[in-house]
Each structure stands twice: as structure tokens, then as C-alpha cells.
Amino acid sequence: MFQNNGIPRERVQVLARRLSEATGLLFRVGSECQSPAGNSLEGEIPGPQIPLEIQVEDGTIELLYSPGSVEAGPLTTRLLQALAREIYDGLTGSLDQDVPFESWTWEKLLNKALVEQWDQGTFAAKAAACRLTGLSLGYPVLVHCSAWTPEVVEVLENLFPQAPVRWVLKPDLFLYVPLERSEGLVEHRVYGNSLIEQIHALLADELGVLATVFVGQVIETDLWAGFLDVKKLVELHRRFFAGKLGLAAWNVGLASLFQETRTIVGQEYIQGVLGHLSEELLETLRTFLEKDMSVADSARALFIHRNTLTYRLDRITELTGHNPRRLTGAVHLFMALWLSNHTK
């Protein structure tokens, strides 16, 4: 246990708490770890521990802290020491008072994670250190509003009164919508799909605000991972599903394969595969694939003779180099058609 030159332990504890609040790092006094929420956590600080000595008028204070993603060099040490001295000076004379500090919430932790670009492991460690609770099985939901108004929060609070997280990112709002454990995967996804239409309609009717709604996979404690997943859905929606009310993670389909593909590469692929086909041949190909490559069903849907369809399929093979009647050829042609239909 550290000996802090007779400085009252309570004052040292408050200093550690204030440093944690100001920096987001975890500071320990002796056997106690002071989290940003001011909780006393027994045991070791997760990760490497760096000693920090602070010279004050009353003597020397020694703390331990976990640097996290911060580079713990000489400059960082001097900055922390200066900040600690400033905080300590403000505590002088307040030993007998209840020194207030701002407690951490899920929203504040999410905001800090966004600013500092934490990974999932860092977020989980910070959340555990802060002892944040209240999450159960649920959906991460991102609501993107065409125009921001504070009433958006109020309307969605009334719709989801049990939601433990409502994080404002104007013009967006991130929600954590709880689910019933008794329901199965199919019921969860039906409910998730309904959230898109429900939130869109409610904001449009109540506030005249057009919203695009993104629903991630069901999670329980990985709140930061859920937020990152719905942010990916925003990009996929912009590239492949523009004009739709929103997007759920399980409805992404082939779009996930092209998530990292540059738009120009996709356009080149479409042009290379389908560029020589006329509108008539494109429609024939589209119908043939939609009818599971059935010649009879496709001919009926197109109101043409089987021989005419056979001729067109041969022509498609000749112009594209891919035979739509064979699986490998059909896959290439289907992928190009899908990209063509979903890329603006």
C-alpha cells in the first residue's frame, strides 16, 4: 500500500476520482481503483500500471493508473502531474465536504469512445470499471433524422420508455431497445423489421421529420460493437438501398460482400459483364434468374416461345461469356444484375 506522507487518505481518494473523471483513465490509490464513476473497485487495474508521483505542498502523492490507448511518455506524465496539482489545490479546505463529481452514464461513455475511437475491448474494460448496468437482450438502433429537433428524443422516449440508452448525435439518435428473452430469432427479426416502419411513421406523423432507421443484430452487453455495426449499415444503405425507410442487419444480403469495394470497381464489374446486353436481353436474363432458371416458367412470364427464349439465352452467353443455364455463369450474371439494381 502506498504511503502518501501523511496526506489524508480521503483527499487522495477524491483526487484519484477527479483525475479519472477528467481523463477517462483509471487511477488507483493503494488497493483501491477509482473509476470515472467514483466507484471503489477492489483488485488490480486492467492492463499495465504506471506510477504517477505528484508533488504538492503537503508532500508527495503516489498513484497508479492504466494508460489505455494513451502513450505514457514524459509529456503525458508532466501533463497528468500538472492536472493533478490543479485538482488537489482545489480540494484544499474541502476535506469535510462532500466533493461532487459527475458520474458516468452509457451515453457519456459512448461519446468518449467515439471521440477517442476505442476498440471493443477498451470499451468493455471502461464499462466494467464504471460498473454501468441496465442492459439486457436488445437491439441497437440508429435513427437518422432529416432535420433535428429536441422533440425527437421525447417522442422516442414515450415509444420506448424502458430503453436504457438514448444517445443524441444530432441529427442522429442511438437507442438500445430491450427485447423479451422468451421470443425466438424469427420473432425478434419480425419485431426488428417493424421498428423501421414504426419509428419512421411516428416521427413523420408527430413531428413531420423524415427518418431513416437502422437496426443491428441482437446484442446484450456489447453496446459499442452494436453501435459500430449500425454505423456500417448507414454506409450500406447509402450505397445500395437508397430510398428505403431503413435497413436491418439481417436484410443486408449481398451488400455485405461489396461493403469494402469501391463504387468505381463495382461499376466496372457491371459494365464488364452486362455492358453489351440490350434492354430486351437484360429483362430476359432478369426474368430467367428470378424463375430459378426454368425455361418453361420464364417463357410464360415473358410471353414468348421457348425457342425464342433459348435463342436469347444463347445470345447472352455469346455477349457476356457466361452461360446463364450453368451455375457458375448464373452466379456471375446474378451478381452483376444485383449490383446494377442496387448501385446508384
Protein backbone atom coordinates (compact mmCIF):
# COMPACT_ATOMS: atom_id res chain seq x y z
CA MET A 1 0.00 0.00 0.00
CA PHE A 2 1.27 3.47 -0.81
CA GLN A 3 2.34 5.81 1.93
CA ASN A 4 1.37 9.35 0.96
CA ASN A 5 3.37 11.30 3.55
CA GLY A 6 0.52 11.68 5.98
CA ILE A 7 -1.81 13.33 3.47
CA PRO A 8 -5.42 12.46 4.43
CA ARG A 9 -6.42 9.35 2.51
CA GLU A 10 -9.88 10.75 1.78
CA ARG A 11 -8.32 13.67 -0.07
CA VAL A 12 -6.10 11.33 -2.09
CA GLN A 13 -9.13 9.21 -2.96
CA VAL A 14 -11.04 12.25 -4.19
CA LEU A 15 -8.01 13.31 -6.24
CA ALA A 16 -7.92 9.89 -7.91
CA ARG A 17 -11.62 10.12 -8.66
CA ARG A 18 -11.34 13.61 -10.12
CA LEU A 19 -8.37 12.55 -12.27
CA SER A 20 -10.37 9.58 -13.54
CA GLU A 21 -13.30 11.85 -14.36
CA ALA A 22 -11.12 14.39 -16.16
CA THR A 23 -9.02 11.94 -18.20
CA GLY A 24 -11.11 8.76 -18.61
CA LEU A 25 -8.15 6.77 -17.26
CA LEU A 26 -8.33 4.50 -14.21
CA PHE A 27 -6.36 5.62 -11.13
CA ARG A 28 -5.61 3.51 -8.05
CA VAL A 29 -4.84 4.63 -4.51
CA GLY A 30 -3.23 1.82 -2.56
CA SER A 31 -5.53 -1.19 -3.06
CA GLU A 32 -8.42 0.90 -4.41
CA CYS A 33 -9.07 1.67 -8.06
CA GLN A 34 -11.06 4.84 -8.59
CA SER A 35 -13.15 4.63 -11.74
CA PRO A 36 -14.56 7.63 -13.63
CA ALA A 37 -17.87 6.95 -11.86
CA GLY A 38 -16.22 7.24 -8.49
CA ASN A 39 -16.71 3.57 -7.64
CA SER A 40 -14.16 1.78 -5.48
CA LEU A 41 -13.02 -1.33 -7.36
CA GLU A 42 -11.03 -3.90 -5.45
CA GLY A 43 -8.15 -5.61 -7.23
CA GLU A 44 -5.81 -4.63 -9.99
CA ILE A 45 -6.32 -2.09 -12.74
CA PRO A 46 -6.77 -3.97 -16.06
CA GLY A 47 -3.69 -3.76 -18.28
CA PRO A 48 -0.28 -2.24 -17.47
CA GLN A 49 0.01 0.05 -14.44
CA ILE A 50 2.07 3.25 -14.49
CA PRO A 51 3.15 5.02 -11.29
CA LEU A 52 2.47 8.75 -11.03
CA GLU A 53 4.11 10.95 -8.38
CA ILE A 54 2.56 14.34 -7.67
CA GLN A 55 4.42 16.96 -5.66
CA VAL A 56 2.03 19.09 -3.61
CA GLU A 57 2.54 21.48 -0.72
CA ASP A 58 1.63 18.75 1.78
CA GLY A 59 4.20 16.32 0.36
CA THR A 60 4.20 13.63 -2.35
CA ILE A 61 1.19 11.67 -3.54
CA GLU A 62 1.67 8.37 -5.34
CA LEU A 63 -0.94 6.87 -7.63
CA LEU A 64 -1.14 4.08 -10.19
CA TYR A 65 -3.01 4.39 -13.46
CA SER A 66 -3.71 2.40 -16.61
CA PRO A 67 -2.69 4.34 -19.75
CA GLY A 68 -5.14 2.54 -22.06
CA SER A 69 -4.54 3.82 -25.58
CA VAL A 70 -2.63 6.87 -24.30
CA GLU A 71 1.12 6.92 -24.90
CA ALA A 72 2.58 7.08 -21.37
CA GLY A 73 5.68 9.16 -22.11
CA PRO A 74 7.36 12.05 -20.26
CA LEU A 75 4.99 14.63 -21.74
CA THR A 76 1.93 12.66 -20.64
CA THR A 77 3.40 12.33 -17.15
CA ARG A 78 4.02 16.08 -16.85
CA LEU A 79 0.52 16.88 -18.08
CA LEU A 80 -1.07 14.47 -15.60
CA GLN A 81 1.06 15.85 -12.78
CA ALA A 82 0.06 19.42 -13.62
CA LEU A 83 -3.61 18.48 -13.82
CA ALA A 84 -3.39 16.56 -10.54
CA ARG A 85 -1.80 19.52 -8.75
CA GLU A 86 -4.51 21.85 -10.03
CA ILE A 87 -7.23 19.45 -8.86
CA TYR A 88 -5.53 18.93 -5.49
CA ASP A 89 -5.26 22.68 -4.90
CA GLY A 90 -9.00 22.96 -5.49
CA LEU A 91 -9.62 20.30 -2.84
CA THR A 92 -7.76 22.20 -0.11
CA GLY A 93 -10.13 23.09 2.70
CA SER A 94 -12.91 20.83 1.42
CA LEU A 95 -11.96 17.71 3.33
CA ASP A 96 -15.09 17.83 5.46
CA GLN A 97 -17.34 18.47 2.47
CA ASP A 98 -18.92 16.06 0.05
CA VAL A 99 -16.93 16.79 -3.09
CA PRO A 100 -19.29 16.32 -6.05
CA PHE A 101 -18.22 14.86 -9.36
CA GLU A 102 -20.12 13.94 -12.47
CA SER A 103 -21.00 10.25 -12.65
CA TRP A 104 -20.61 8.32 -15.90
CA THR A 105 -23.52 7.09 -17.96
CA TRP A 106 -23.72 4.86 -21.03
CA GLU A 107 -24.25 7.96 -23.16
CA LYS A 108 -21.14 9.71 -21.83
CA LEU A 109 -19.04 6.57 -22.22
CA LEU A 110 -20.26 6.13 -25.81
CA ASN A 111 -19.42 9.73 -26.58
CA LYS A 112 -15.89 9.35 -25.22
CA ALA A 113 -15.45 6.10 -27.15
CA LEU A 114 -16.49 7.88 -30.35
CA VAL A 115 -14.12 10.81 -29.78
CA GLU A 116 -11.16 8.62 -28.88
CA GLN A 117 -12.06 5.81 -31.34
CA TRP A 118 -11.92 2.99 -28.80
CA ASP A 119 -11.90 -0.64 -29.81
CA GLN A 120 -14.41 -3.09 -28.34
CA GLY A 121 -12.00 -4.35 -25.68
CA THR A 122 -11.28 -0.86 -24.37
CA PHE A 123 -14.97 -0.01 -24.19
CA ALA A 124 -15.77 -3.23 -22.34
CA ALA A 125 -13.00 -2.58 -19.81
CA LYS A 126 -14.14 1.01 -19.20
CA ALA A 127 -17.78 -0.03 -18.84
CA ALA A 128 -16.82 -2.71 -16.33
CA ALA A 129 -14.67 -0.26 -14.39
CA CYS A 130 -17.55 2.23 -14.23
CA ARG A 131 -19.90 -0.57 -13.21
CA LEU A 132 -22.51 0.60 -15.67
CA THR A 133 -25.56 -1.66 -15.71
CA GLY A 134 -29.10 -1.77 -17.08
CA LEU A 135 -28.51 -3.58 -20.38
CA SER A 136 -30.41 -6.73 -21.28
CA LEU A 137 -31.03 -8.50 -24.55
CA GLY A 138 -31.85 -5.83 -27.12
CA TYR A 139 -31.43 -4.13 -30.47
CA PRO A 140 -29.00 -1.30 -31.21
CA VAL A 141 -31.00 1.22 -33.26
CA LEU A 142 -29.73 4.33 -35.04
CA VAL A 143 -32.32 6.90 -36.14
CA HIS A 144 -31.07 9.40 -38.74
CA CYS A 145 -33.33 12.46 -38.94
CA SER A 146 -33.66 14.75 -41.95
CA ALA A 147 -33.83 17.68 -39.52
CA TRP A 148 -33.06 17.71 -35.82
CA THR A 149 -35.46 18.84 -33.14
CA PRO A 150 -35.27 18.06 -29.40
CA GLU A 151 -38.78 16.64 -29.59
CA VAL A 152 -37.33 13.60 -31.39
CA VAL A 153 -35.91 12.41 -28.06
CA GLU A 154 -39.20 12.96 -26.26
CA VAL A 155 -41.24 11.11 -28.88
CA LEU A 156 -38.92 8.09 -28.84
CA GLU A 157 -38.74 8.12 -25.04
CA ASN A 158 -42.52 7.74 -25.00
CA LEU A 159 -42.31 4.93 -27.56
CA PHE A 160 -39.53 3.07 -25.72
CA PRO A 161 -39.82 4.05 -22.03
CA GLN A 162 -37.67 1.07 -20.97
CA ALA A 163 -34.74 1.89 -23.28
CA PRO A 164 -31.67 2.25 -21.02
CA VAL A 165 -29.66 4.21 -23.62
CA ARG A 166 -30.70 7.27 -25.65
CA TRP A 167 -27.57 8.86 -27.09
CA VAL A 168 -28.03 12.10 -29.05
CA LEU A 169 -25.73 12.58 -32.06
CA LYS A 170 -27.56 15.36 -33.88
CA PRO A 171 -29.15 14.73 -36.34
CA ASP A 172 -28.95 11.09 -35.21
CA LEU A 173 -30.22 9.31 -32.12
CA PHE A 174 -28.82 5.97 -30.93
CA LEU A 175 -31.19 3.74 -28.94
CA TYR A 176 -30.89 0.43 -27.17
CA VAL A 177 -34.30 -1.25 -27.45
CA PRO A 178 -34.85 -4.16 -24.99
CA LEU A 179 -36.34 -7.48 -26.13
CA GLU A 180 -38.15 -10.34 -24.46
CA ARG A 181 -35.90 -13.35 -23.95
CA SER A 182 -38.82 -15.73 -24.40
CA GLU A 183 -39.12 -14.83 -28.07
CA GLY A 184 -37.17 -16.69 -30.74
CA LEU A 185 -34.96 -15.48 -33.58
CA VAL A 186 -37.82 -15.27 -36.08
CA GLU A 187 -39.97 -13.19 -33.72
CA HIS A 188 -37.01 -10.93 -32.90
CA ARG A 189 -36.37 -10.22 -36.56
CA VAL A 190 -40.04 -9.58 -37.26
CA TYR A 191 -40.01 -7.05 -34.43
CA GLY A 192 -36.74 -5.56 -35.68
CA ASN A 193 -38.19 -5.06 -39.15
CA SER A 194 -41.30 -3.47 -37.67
CA LEU A 195 -39.14 -0.95 -35.77
CA ILE A 196 -38.08 0.63 -39.04
CA GLU A 197 -41.60 1.38 -40.23
CA GLN A 198 -42.86 2.19 -36.72
CA ILE A 199 -40.20 4.81 -35.92
CA HIS A 200 -40.31 6.30 -39.41
CA ALA A 201 -44.11 6.67 -39.33
CA LEU A 202 -44.20 8.03 -35.77
CA LEU A 203 -41.64 10.80 -36.38
CA ALA A 204 -43.27 11.72 -39.68
CA ASP A 205 -46.76 11.89 -38.18
CA GLU A 206 -45.87 13.55 -34.87
CA LEU A 207 -43.11 15.94 -35.91
CA GLY A 208 -43.04 15.98 -39.70
CA VAL A 209 -39.46 14.65 -39.52
CA LEU A 210 -38.36 12.12 -42.12
CA ALA A 211 -36.14 9.48 -40.54
CA THR A 212 -34.05 6.58 -41.79
CA VAL A 213 -33.84 3.77 -39.24
CA PHE A 214 -31.03 1.23 -38.87
CA VAL A 215 -31.40 -1.89 -36.71
CA GLY A 216 -28.40 -4.03 -35.76
CA GLN A 217 -28.12 -7.64 -34.68
CA VAL A 218 -29.41 -8.55 -31.21
CA ILE A 219 -26.77 -7.91 -28.53
CA GLU A 220 -26.68 -7.94 -24.74
CA THR A 221 -23.58 -6.22 -23.38
CA ASP A 222 -21.53 -5.29 -26.47
CA LEU A 223 -23.03 -1.81 -26.77
CA TRP A 224 -20.06 -0.28 -28.60
CA ALA A 225 -19.94 -3.19 -31.06
CA GLY A 226 -23.67 -2.70 -31.68
CA PHE A 227 -23.16 0.98 -32.41
CA LEU A 228 -20.31 0.26 -34.84
CA ASP A 229 -22.48 -2.31 -36.62
CA VAL A 230 -25.37 0.10 -37.19
CA LYS A 231 -22.90 2.74 -38.44
CA LYS A 232 -21.83 0.25 -41.11
CA LEU A 233 -25.48 -0.15 -42.08
CA VAL A 234 -25.64 3.60 -42.76
CA GLU A 235 -22.93 3.30 -45.43
CA LEU A 236 -24.51 0.19 -46.95
CA HIS A 237 -27.87 1.96 -47.10
CA ARG A 238 -26.33 4.96 -48.84
CA ARG A 239 -24.62 2.79 -51.46
CA PHE A 240 -27.12 0.02 -52.09
CA PHE A 241 -30.51 0.77 -50.52
CA ALA A 242 -31.04 4.50 -51.04
CA GLY A 243 -34.71 5.43 -50.92
CA LYS A 244 -35.71 2.72 -48.44
CA LEU A 245 -37.01 3.63 -44.98
CA GLY A 246 -34.05 1.94 -43.33
CA LEU A 247 -32.06 -1.25 -43.10
CA ALA A 248 -31.80 -4.18 -40.68
CA ALA A 249 -28.55 -6.13 -40.40
CA TRP A 250 -30.12 -9.45 -41.45
CA ASN A 251 -31.51 -7.88 -44.65
CA VAL A 252 -28.15 -6.73 -45.98
CA GLY A 253 -27.66 -9.80 -48.16
CA LEU A 254 -25.09 -9.46 -50.92
CA ALA A 255 -24.37 -5.86 -49.97
CA SER A 256 -22.04 -7.09 -47.21
CA LEU A 257 -19.81 -8.68 -49.86
CA PHE A 258 -19.35 -5.32 -51.54
CA GLN A 259 -19.01 -3.23 -48.39
CA GLU A 260 -15.29 -2.64 -48.87
CA THR A 261 -15.48 -2.46 -52.68
CA ARG A 262 -15.09 1.00 -54.15
CA THR A 263 -18.06 2.20 -56.20
CA ILE A 264 -15.98 2.55 -59.35
CA VAL A 265 -14.86 -1.09 -59.09
CA GLY A 266 -18.50 -2.21 -58.89
CA GLN A 267 -19.40 -0.10 -61.92
CA GLU A 268 -16.53 -1.62 -63.88
CA TYR A 269 -17.71 -5.10 -62.95
CA ILE A 270 -21.27 -4.33 -64.09
CA GLN A 271 -20.07 -2.87 -67.35
CA GLY A 272 -17.71 -5.76 -67.99
CA VAL A 273 -20.41 -8.40 -67.51
CA LEU A 274 -23.60 -6.72 -68.74
CA GLY A 275 -22.37 -3.84 -70.85
CA HIS A 276 -23.12 -5.47 -74.21
CA LEU A 277 -26.67 -6.57 -73.42
CA SER A 278 -29.70 -4.75 -74.78
CA GLU A 279 -32.66 -3.86 -72.56
CA GLU A 280 -34.54 -6.82 -74.02
CA LEU A 281 -31.77 -9.25 -73.16
CA LEU A 282 -31.37 -7.73 -69.68
CA GLU A 283 -35.07 -8.22 -68.99
CA THR A 284 -34.86 -11.79 -70.32
CA LEU A 285 -31.88 -12.53 -68.07
CA ARG A 286 -33.53 -10.95 -65.04
CA THR A 287 -36.72 -12.98 -65.53
CA PHE A 288 -34.80 -16.21 -66.19
CA LEU A 289 -32.87 -15.89 -62.92
CA GLU A 290 -35.96 -14.86 -60.95
CA LYS A 291 -37.72 -18.01 -62.23
CA ASP A 292 -34.87 -20.18 -60.92
CA MET A 293 -33.53 -20.80 -64.44
CA SER A 294 -36.72 -22.54 -65.56
CA VAL A 295 -37.17 -22.23 -69.33
CA ALA A 296 -40.90 -23.02 -69.22
CA ASP A 297 -41.71 -20.57 -66.40
CA SER A 298 -39.53 -17.83 -67.92
CA ALA A 299 -41.08 -18.16 -71.37
CA ARG A 300 -44.58 -17.87 -69.88
CA ALA A 301 -43.62 -14.82 -67.82
CA LEU A 302 -42.09 -13.12 -70.86
CA PHE A 303 -44.96 -14.16 -73.20
CA ILE A 304 -42.51 -15.63 -75.71
CA HIS A 305 -41.95 -19.07 -77.28
CA ARG A 306 -39.44 -21.44 -75.68
CA ASN A 307 -37.35 -21.34 -78.84
CA THR A 308 -37.21 -17.54 -78.65
CA LEU A 309 -36.03 -17.77 -75.04
CA THR A 310 -33.39 -20.33 -75.97
CA TYR A 311 -32.12 -18.03 -78.71
CA ARG A 312 -31.89 -15.09 -76.28
CA LEU A 313 -30.06 -17.17 -73.67
CA ASP A 314 -27.56 -18.27 -76.31
CA ARG A 315 -27.09 -14.63 -77.29
CA ILE A 316 -26.50 -13.65 -73.63
CA THR A 317 -23.86 -16.38 -73.36
CA GLU A 318 -22.17 -15.14 -76.54
CA LEU A 319 -22.08 -11.47 -75.46
CA THR A 320 -21.10 -11.93 -71.80
CA GLY A 321 -19.04 -15.11 -71.83
CA HIS A 322 -21.25 -16.51 -69.04
CA ASN A 323 -23.90 -19.17 -69.67
CA PRO A 324 -26.98 -18.37 -67.52
CA ARG A 325 -28.05 -22.03 -67.74
CA ARG A 326 -24.97 -23.14 -65.79
CA LEU A 327 -24.45 -22.36 -62.10
CA THR A 328 -21.08 -20.64 -62.45
CA GLY A 329 -22.34 -18.43 -65.27
CA ALA A 330 -25.61 -17.67 -63.48
CA VAL A 331 -23.71 -16.58 -60.34
CA HIS A 332 -21.63 -14.02 -62.28
CA LEU A 333 -24.66 -12.69 -64.09
CA PHE A 334 -26.79 -12.55 -60.93
CA MET A 335 -24.09 -10.64 -59.01
CA ALA A 336 -23.75 -8.11 -61.82
CA LEU A 337 -27.54 -7.68 -62.02
CA TRP A 338 -27.80 -7.25 -58.25
CA LEU A 339 -25.11 -4.56 -58.26
CA SER A 340 -26.80 -2.85 -61.20
CA ASN A 341 -30.15 -2.78 -59.38
CA HIS A 342 -28.74 -1.58 -56.06
CA THR A 343 -25.99 0.86 -57.05
CA LYS A 344 -26.96 4.43 -57.80
